[in-house]
PDB file of N, CA and C in Angstrom:
ATOM      1  N   UNK A   1      -0.585  14.578  -3.857  1.00  0.00           N
ATOM      2  CA  UNK A   1      -0.584  13.689  -2.724  1.00  0.00           C
ATOM      3  C   UNK A   1       0.783  12.997  -2.621  1.00  0.00           C
ATOM      4  N   UNK A   2       1.282  12.535  -3.745  1.00  0.00           N
ATOM      5  CA  UNK A   2       2.561  11.822  -3.730  1.00  0.00           C
ATOM      6  C   UNK A   2       3.695  12.731  -3.265  1.00  0.00           C
ATOM      7  N   UNK A   3       3.622  13.986  -3.611  1.00  0.00           N
ATOM      8  CA  UNK A   3       4.652  14.933  -3.185  1.00  0.00           C
ATOM      9  C   UNK A   3       4.576  15.164  -1.676  1.00  0.00           C
ATOM     10  N   UNK A   4       3.366  15.272  -1.150  1.00  0.00           N
ATOM     11  CA  UNK A   4       3.174  15.485   0.280  1.00  0.00           C
ATOM     12  C   UNK A   4       3.674  14.289   1.089  1.00  0.00           C
ATOM     13  N   UNK A   5       3.525  13.096   0.522  1.00  0.00           N
ATOM     14  CA  UNK A   5       3.952  11.864   1.193  1.00  0.00           C
ATOM     15  C   UNK A   5       5.251  11.317   0.585  1.00  0.00           C
ATOM     16  N   UNK A   6       6.074  12.195   0.061  1.00  0.00           N
ATOM     17  CA  UNK A   6       7.286  11.771  -0.639  1.00  0.00           C
ATOM     18  C   UNK A   6       8.203  10.909   0.228  1.00  0.00           C
ATOM     19  N   UNK A   7       8.422  11.291   1.472  1.00  0.00           N
ATOM     20  CA  UNK A   7       9.298  10.514   2.350  1.00  0.00           C
ATOM     21  C   UNK A   7       8.702   9.138   2.640  1.00  0.00           C
ATOM     22  N   UNK A   8       7.399   9.119   2.903  1.00  0.00           N
ATOM     23  CA  UNK A   8       6.725   7.853   3.190  1.00  0.00           C
ATOM     24  C   UNK A   8       6.711   6.952   1.959  1.00  0.00           C
ATOM     25  N   UNK A   9       6.479   7.545   0.799  1.00  0.00           N
ATOM     26  CA  UNK A   9       6.461   6.775  -0.440  1.00  0.00           C
ATOM     27  C   UNK A   9       7.849   6.220  -0.757  1.00  0.00           C
ATOM     28  N   UNK A  10       8.866   7.006  -0.497  1.00  0.00           N
ATOM     29  CA  UNK A  10      10.240   6.560  -0.727  1.00  0.00           C
ATOM     30  C   UNK A  10      10.570   5.367   0.168  1.00  0.00           C
ATOM     31  N   UNK A  11      10.160   5.445   1.428  1.00  0.00           N
ATOM     32  CA  UNK A  11      10.388   4.336   2.354  1.00  0.00           C
ATOM     33  C   UNK A  11       9.628   3.093   1.891  1.00  0.00           C
ATOM     34  N   UNK A  12       8.410   3.286   1.387  1.00  0.00           N
ATOM     35  CA  UNK A  12       7.609   2.175   0.870  1.00  0.00           C
ATOM     36  C   UNK A  12       8.316   1.518  -0.333  1.00  0.00           C
ATOM     37  N   UNK A  13       8.814   2.337  -1.230  1.00  0.00           N
ATOM     38  CA  UNK A  13       9.500   1.833  -2.416  1.00  0.00           C
ATOM     39  C   UNK A  13      10.731   1.018  -2.031  1.00  0.00           C
ATOM     40  N   UNK A  14      11.510   1.529  -1.089  1.00  0.00           N
ATOM     41  CA  UNK A  14      12.695   0.809  -0.621  1.00  0.00           C
ATOM     42  C   UNK A  14      12.303  -0.507   0.045  1.00  0.00           C
ATOM     43  N   UNK A  15      11.249  -0.485   0.826  1.00  0.00           N
ATOM     44  CA  UNK A  15      10.774  -1.695   1.492  1.00  0.00           C
ATOM     45  C   UNK A  15      10.367  -2.737   0.454  1.00  0.00           C
ATOM     46  N   UNK A  16       9.665  -2.304  -0.581  1.00  0.00           N
ATOM     47  CA  UNK A  16       9.179  -3.234  -1.600  1.00  0.00           C
ATOM     48  C   UNK A  16      10.333  -3.859  -2.394  1.00  0.00           C
ATOM     49  N   UNK A  17      11.440  -3.158  -2.513  1.00  0.00           N
ATOM     50  CA  UNK A  17      12.596  -3.712  -3.226  1.00  0.00           C
ATOM     51  C   UNK A  17      13.109  -4.974  -2.549  1.00  0.00           C
ATOM     52  N   UNK A  18      13.008  -5.016  -1.230  1.00  0.00           N
ATOM     53  CA  UNK A  18      13.502  -6.172  -0.493  1.00  0.00           C
ATOM     54  C   UNK A  18      12.416  -7.160  -0.114  1.00  0.00           C
ATOM     55  N   UNK A  19      11.186  -6.876  -0.514  1.00  0.00           N
ATOM     56  CA  UNK A  19      10.062  -7.731  -0.134  1.00  0.00           C
ATOM     57  C   UNK A  19       9.951  -8.884  -1.122  1.00  0.00           C
ATOM     58  N   UNK A  20      10.377 -10.058  -0.684  1.00  0.00           N
ATOM     59  CA  UNK A  20      10.372 -11.212  -1.573  1.00  0.00           C
ATOM     60  C   UNK A  20       9.132 -12.078  -1.476  1.00  0.00           C
ATOM     61  N   UNK A  21       8.262 -11.786  -0.529  1.00  0.00           N
ATOM     62  CA  UNK A  21       7.052 -12.588  -0.378  1.00  0.00           C
ATOM     63  C   UNK A  21       5.831 -11.677  -0.313  1.00  0.00           C
ATOM     64  N   UNK A  22       4.680 -12.267  -0.530  1.00  0.00           N
ATOM     65  CA  UNK A  22       3.438 -11.505  -0.442  1.00  0.00           C
ATOM     66  C   UNK A  22       3.261 -10.961   0.973  1.00  0.00           C
ATOM     67  N   UNK A  23       3.627 -11.757   1.956  1.00  0.00           N
ATOM     68  CA  UNK A  23       3.508 -11.318   3.347  1.00  0.00           C
ATOM     69  C   UNK A  23       4.387 -10.099   3.613  1.00  0.00           C
ATOM     70  N   UNK A  24       5.610 -10.112   3.127  1.00  0.00           N
ATOM     71  CA  UNK A  24       6.497  -8.970   3.361  1.00  0.00           C
ATOM     72  C   UNK A  24       6.031  -7.745   2.578  1.00  0.00           C
ATOM     73  N   UNK A  25       5.429  -7.942   1.418  1.00  0.00           N
ATOM     74  CA  UNK A  25       4.856  -6.821   0.673  1.00  0.00           C
ATOM     75  C   UNK A  25       3.705  -6.207   1.459  1.00  0.00           C
ATOM     76  N   UNK A  26       2.913  -7.061   2.093  1.00  0.00           N
ATOM     77  CA  UNK A  26       1.822  -6.575   2.934  1.00  0.00           C
ATOM     78  C   UNK A  26       2.331  -5.773   4.111  1.00  0.00           C
ATOM     79  N   UNK A  27       3.453  -6.196   4.666  1.00  0.00           N
ATOM     80  CA  UNK A  27       4.059  -5.454   5.770  1.00  0.00           C
ATOM     81  C   UNK A  27       4.526  -4.076   5.302  1.00  0.00           C
ATOM     82  N   UNK A  28       5.083  -4.020   4.100  1.00  0.00           N
ATOM     83  CA  UNK A  28       5.507  -2.729   3.542  1.00  0.00           C
ATOM     84  C   UNK A  28       4.311  -1.794   3.415  1.00  0.00           C
ATOM     85  N   UNK A  29       3.188  -2.323   2.898  1.00  0.00           N
ATOM     86  CA  UNK A  29       2.001  -1.504   2.739  1.00  0.00           C
ATOM     87  C   UNK A  29       1.464  -1.062   4.090  1.00  0.00           C
ATOM     88  N   UNK A  30       1.471  -1.956   5.067  1.00  0.00           N
ATOM     89  CA  UNK A  30       0.985  -1.621   6.404  1.00  0.00           C
ATOM     90  C   UNK A  30       1.820  -0.489   7.012  1.00  0.00           C
ATOM     91  N   UNK A  31       3.124  -0.550   6.830  1.00  0.00           N
ATOM     92  CA  UNK A  31       4.003   0.504   7.334  1.00  0.00           C
ATOM     93  C   UNK A  31       3.724   1.831   6.628  1.00  0.00           C
ATOM     94  N   UNK A  32       3.520   1.757   5.309  1.00  0.00           N
ATOM     95  CA  UNK A  32       3.202   2.969   4.557  1.00  0.00           C
ATOM     96  C   UNK A  32       1.884   3.567   5.035  1.00  0.00           C
ATOM     97  N   UNK A  33       0.887   2.723   5.213  1.00  0.00           N
ATOM     98  CA  UNK A  33      -0.430   3.181   5.639  1.00  0.00           C
ATOM     99  C   UNK A  33      -0.363   3.836   7.020  1.00  0.00           C
ATOM    100  N   UNK A  34       0.382   3.251   7.938  1.00  0.00           N
ATOM    101  CA  UNK A  34       0.532   3.827   9.277  1.00  0.00           C
ATOM    102  C   UNK A  34       1.210   5.197   9.203  1.00  0.00           C
ATOM    103  N   UNK A  35       2.232   5.306   8.367  1.00  0.00           N
ATOM    104  CA  UNK A  35       2.929   6.586   8.216  1.00  0.00           C
ATOM    105  C   UNK A  35       1.999   7.638   7.613  1.00  0.00           C
ATOM    106  N   UNK A  36       1.193   7.236   6.639  1.00  0.00           N
ATOM    107  CA  UNK A  36       0.254   8.167   6.009  1.00  0.00           C
ATOM    108  C   UNK A  36      -0.817   8.595   7.015  1.00  0.00           C
ATOM    109  N   UNK A  37      -1.253   7.686   7.858  1.00  0.00           N
ATOM    110  CA  UNK A  37      -2.273   8.012   8.857  1.00  0.00           C
ATOM    111  C   UNK A  37      -1.782   9.066   9.835  1.00  0.00           C
ATOM    112  N   UNK A  38      -0.502   9.062  10.115  1.00  0.00           N
ATOM    113  CA  UNK A  38       0.055  10.062  11.027  1.00  0.00           C
ATOM    114  C   UNK A  38       0.099  11.448  10.378  1.00  0.00           C
ATOM    115  N   UNK A  39       0.073  11.482   9.052  1.00  0.00           N
ATOM    116  CA  UNK A  39       0.268  12.736   8.340  1.00  0.00           C
ATOM    117  C   UNK A  39      -1.014  13.305   7.716  1.00  0.00           C
ATOM    118  N   UNK A  40      -1.975  12.438   7.404  1.00  0.00           N
ATOM    119  CA  UNK A  40      -3.174  12.871   6.684  1.00  0.00           C
ATOM    120  C   UNK A  40      -4.403  12.905   7.585  1.00  0.00           C
ATOM    121  N   UNK A  41      -5.352  13.805   7.280  1.00  0.00           N
ATOM    122  CA  UNK A  41      -6.618  13.821   8.017  1.00  0.00           C
ATOM    123  C   UNK A  41      -7.429  12.548   7.740  1.00  0.00           C
ATOM    124  N   UNK A  42      -8.257  12.178   8.685  1.00  0.00           N
ATOM    125  CA  UNK A  42      -9.032  10.938   8.598  1.00  0.00           C
ATOM    126  C   UNK A  42      -9.930  10.888   7.365  1.00  0.00           C
ATOM    127  N   UNK A  43     -10.536  12.019   6.965  1.00  0.00           N
ATOM    128  CA  UNK A  43     -11.439  11.997   5.812  1.00  0.00           C
ATOM    129  C   UNK A  43     -10.687  11.716   4.512  1.00  0.00           C
ATOM    130  N   UNK A  44      -9.461  12.166   4.404  1.00  0.00           N
ATOM    131  CA  UNK A  44      -8.653  11.877   3.214  1.00  0.00           C
ATOM    132  C   UNK A  44      -8.297  10.390   3.190  1.00  0.00           C
ATOM    133  N   UNK A  45      -7.936   9.856   4.336  1.00  0.00           N
ATOM    134  CA  UNK A  45      -7.609   8.430   4.418  1.00  0.00           C
ATOM    135  C   UNK A  45      -8.805   7.566   4.041  1.00  0.00           C
ATOM    136  N   UNK A  46      -9.981   7.970   4.479  1.00  0.00           N
ATOM    137  CA  UNK A  46     -11.183   7.214   4.149  1.00  0.00           C
ATOM    138  C   UNK A  46     -11.433   7.244   2.645  1.00  0.00           C
ATOM    139  N   UNK A  47     -11.201   8.387   2.023  1.00  0.00           N
ATOM    140  CA  UNK A  47     -11.376   8.515   0.589  1.00  0.00           C
ATOM    141  C   UNK A  47     -10.400   7.608  -0.170  1.00  0.00           C
ATOM    142  N   UNK A  48      -9.183   7.517   0.314  1.00  0.00           N
ATOM    143  CA  UNK A  48      -8.174   6.694  -0.341  1.00  0.00           C
ATOM    144  C   UNK A  48      -8.443   5.201  -0.151  1.00  0.00           C
ATOM    145  N   UNK A  49      -9.094   4.858   0.955  1.00  0.00           N
ATOM    146  CA  UNK A  49      -9.411   3.457   1.217  1.00  0.00           C
ATOM    147  C   UNK A  49      -8.153   2.622   1.366  1.00  0.00           C
ATOM    148  N   UNK A  50      -8.138   1.480   0.731  1.00  0.00           N
ATOM    149  CA  UNK A  50      -7.010   0.555   0.870  1.00  0.00           C
ATOM    150  C   UNK A  50      -6.159   0.499  -0.392  1.00  0.00           C
ATOM    151  N   UNK A  51      -6.216   1.554  -1.195  1.00  0.00           N
ATOM    152  CA  UNK A  51      -5.402   1.587  -2.417  1.00  0.00           C
ATOM    153  C   UNK A  51      -3.933   1.585  -2.056  1.00  0.00           C
ATOM    154  N   UNK A  52      -3.173   0.768  -2.746  1.00  0.00           N
ATOM    155  CA  UNK A  52      -1.731   0.788  -2.526  1.00  0.00           C
ATOM    156  C   UNK A  52      -1.117   1.862  -3.393  1.00  0.00           C
ATOM    157  N   UNK A  53      -0.020   2.460  -2.909  1.00  0.00           N
ATOM    158  CA  UNK A  53       0.656   3.514  -3.674  1.00  0.00           C
ATOM    159  C   UNK A  53       1.188   3.013  -4.989  1.00  0.00           C
TER     160      UNK A  53
END
């Protein structure tokens, strides 16, 4: 899964490096989740739930 979402995960990691607050960390996760939703089928997303990478 991580390999399939390598670009999205990389962007998430970079975002988290600059995220100094809990709110900004949440924004990083929201961006990652939106990117994953564009790439993954709905049933896989449901299985993953709200787990952070």
